Protein backbone atom coordinates (compact mmCIF):
# COMPACT_ATOMS: atom_id res chain seq x y z
CA MET A 1 23.77 76.19 -30.86
CA ARG A 2 22.65 74.89 -27.43
CA VAL A 3 24.15 76.03 -24.35
CA VAL A 4 23.56 74.66 -20.95
CA ILE A 5 24.06 76.79 -17.76
CA ALA A 6 24.48 75.61 -14.27
CA ASP A 7 24.58 78.05 -11.25
CA ASP A 8 22.93 77.85 -7.84
CA GLN A 9 21.63 81.57 -8.17
CA PRO A 10 18.30 81.58 -10.28
CA ASP A 11 18.92 85.26 -11.06
CA VAL A 12 22.32 84.34 -12.68
CA VAL A 13 20.84 81.56 -14.65
CA VAL A 14 18.08 84.19 -15.91
CA HIS A 15 20.98 86.57 -16.65
CA LEU A 16 22.98 84.30 -18.52
CA THR A 17 20.06 82.62 -20.47
CA GLU A 18 19.01 86.25 -21.59
CA ILE A 19 22.67 86.87 -22.92
CA ILE A 20 22.84 83.45 -24.74
CA GLU A 21 19.30 83.97 -26.24
CA GLU A 22 20.44 87.69 -27.52
CA LEU A 23 23.29 86.03 -29.21
CA GLY A 24 20.64 83.83 -31.05
CA HIS A 25 21.59 80.55 -29.31
CA ASP A 26 19.18 78.32 -27.36
CA ALA A 27 19.85 78.07 -23.51
CA VAL A 28 18.73 75.67 -20.86
CA GLY A 29 19.39 76.52 -17.18
CA PHE A 30 19.71 74.60 -14.10
CA THR A 31 20.21 75.59 -10.38
CA ASP A 32 20.90 72.02 -9.10
CA GLY A 33 23.75 69.77 -10.08
CA GLU A 34 21.80 66.53 -10.32
CA ALA A 35 19.41 67.94 -12.70
CA PHE A 36 22.14 69.46 -14.63
CA SER A 37 24.04 66.16 -14.77
CA ASP A 38 20.99 64.17 -15.77
CA SER A 39 20.30 66.66 -18.51
CA ILE A 40 23.80 66.73 -20.07
CA SER A 41 24.00 62.92 -19.91
CA ARG A 42 20.94 62.51 -22.20
CA GLU A 43 21.12 65.74 -24.41
CA ILE A 44 23.71 67.24 -26.60
CA PHE A 45 24.97 70.86 -25.76
CA ASP A 46 27.56 72.90 -27.83
CA LEU A 47 28.77 74.82 -24.53
CA VAL A 48 28.52 74.42 -20.95
CA ILE A 49 28.66 77.44 -18.39
CA LEU A 50 29.33 75.92 -14.99
CA ASP A 51 29.36 77.51 -11.56
CA TRP A 52 32.04 76.26 -9.15
CA ASN A 53 29.55 76.24 -6.41
CA ILE A 54 26.21 74.60 -7.16
CA ARG A 55 23.64 72.73 -5.09
CA SER A 56 23.61 68.95 -4.88
CA LYS A 57 27.22 68.68 -6.53
CA ASN A 58 30.11 70.92 -6.52
CA GLY A 59 31.26 72.40 -9.95
CA THR A 60 34.82 70.81 -9.67
CA PRO A 61 33.40 67.16 -9.28
CA LEU A 62 30.75 67.80 -11.96
CA PHE A 63 33.36 69.04 -14.34
CA ASN A 64 35.51 66.02 -13.55
CA TRP A 65 32.60 63.67 -14.10
CA MET A 66 31.88 65.41 -17.40
CA CYS A 67 35.38 64.79 -18.74
CA LYS A 68 35.20 60.93 -17.87
CA ALA A 69 31.58 60.35 -18.51
CA LEU A 70 30.73 62.15 -21.96
CA PRO A 71 31.77 60.68 -24.96
CA LYS A 72 32.29 64.19 -26.50
CA ARG A 73 32.44 66.83 -23.83
CA PRO A 74 31.51 70.40 -24.92
CA PRO A 75 33.51 73.25 -24.28
CA VAL A 76 33.19 74.62 -20.70
CA ILE A 77 33.33 77.85 -19.10
CA ILE A 78 33.86 77.81 -15.35
CA MET A 79 31.92 81.18 -14.10
CA THR A 80 32.33 81.79 -10.37
CA ASN A 81 33.02 84.23 -7.84
CA ARG A 82 36.26 82.62 -6.99
CA ALA A 83 39.13 84.68 -8.09
CA ALA A 84 42.06 83.19 -6.48
CA LYS A 85 44.99 82.35 -8.92
CA ARG A 86 44.98 78.81 -7.59
CA ASP A 87 41.52 78.34 -8.39
CA ILE A 88 41.76 79.56 -11.87
CA THR A 89 44.86 77.42 -12.46
CA GLU A 90 43.08 74.41 -11.02
CA ALA A 91 40.09 74.79 -13.42
CA LEU A 92 42.22 75.43 -16.49
CA THR A 93 44.66 72.67 -15.66
CA ALA A 94 41.68 70.26 -15.41
CA GLY A 95 40.62 71.18 -18.83
CA ALA A 96 38.06 73.92 -18.57
CA ASP A 97 38.10 76.15 -21.88
CA GLU A 98 37.62 79.48 -20.07
CA TYR A 99 37.34 80.87 -16.66
CA ILE A 100 35.27 84.04 -15.87
CA THR A 101 35.24 85.71 -12.52
CA LYS A 102 31.91 87.01 -11.34
CA PRO A 103 30.69 89.77 -11.68
CA GLU A 104 31.51 90.28 -15.27
CA VAL A 105 29.95 92.63 -17.79
CA ARG A 106 27.41 91.34 -20.43
CA SER A 107 29.78 92.16 -23.23
CA VAL A 108 32.69 90.12 -22.13
CA ILE A 109 30.47 87.14 -21.31
CA ALA A 110 28.80 87.17 -24.88
CA ALA A 111 32.44 87.70 -26.48
CA ARG A 112 33.88 84.66 -24.60
CA VAL A 113 30.68 82.50 -25.15
CA ASN A 114 30.89 83.51 -29.11
CA ALA A 115 34.69 82.78 -29.07
CA LEU A 116 34.13 79.20 -27.70
CA LEU A 117 31.29 78.45 -29.82
CA ARG A 118 33.13 79.63 -32.94
CA LYS A 119 36.10 77.43 -31.97
CA SER A 120 34.00 74.43 -31.50
CA ALA A 121 31.61 74.62 -34.44
CA PRO A 122 31.83 72.57 -37.59
CA SER A 123 33.58 74.49 -40.34
CA GLY A 124 31.14 77.27 -41.73
CA ALA A 125 28.46 76.52 -39.13
CA PHE A 126 28.92 79.64 -37.21
CA ASP A 127 27.53 83.00 -38.44
CA THR A 128 30.13 85.65 -37.54
CA GLU A 129 28.27 88.72 -38.68
CA VAL A 130 27.53 91.07 -35.92
CA SER A 131 24.35 92.76 -36.10
């Protein structure tokens, strides 16, 4: 499965990429909103991990654009340091599939990624064996 990561902090992109690849999936990371939107409009991804605060475009407009512009929007995890209840409510009400507040431990990120990929995978396409 293919996961795209958009976060303005390069170390976070590297960290998330490592988690995704350890789960056996492919990851593509961006630190710039323009590059992210160009890529997601041309390529197919199974999951998006999107930071609320990202260069060039803010995460909220990017998310709204994805909902309108993509013929089939992949599941989206908003992952941000914004922990206010109104921010979480806004993102989930707008259609985000998951909301993770930074910092979060590796195992929780991995579990949430796998849960969303499992829900969105075609029947029988997701290997649920734990190694």
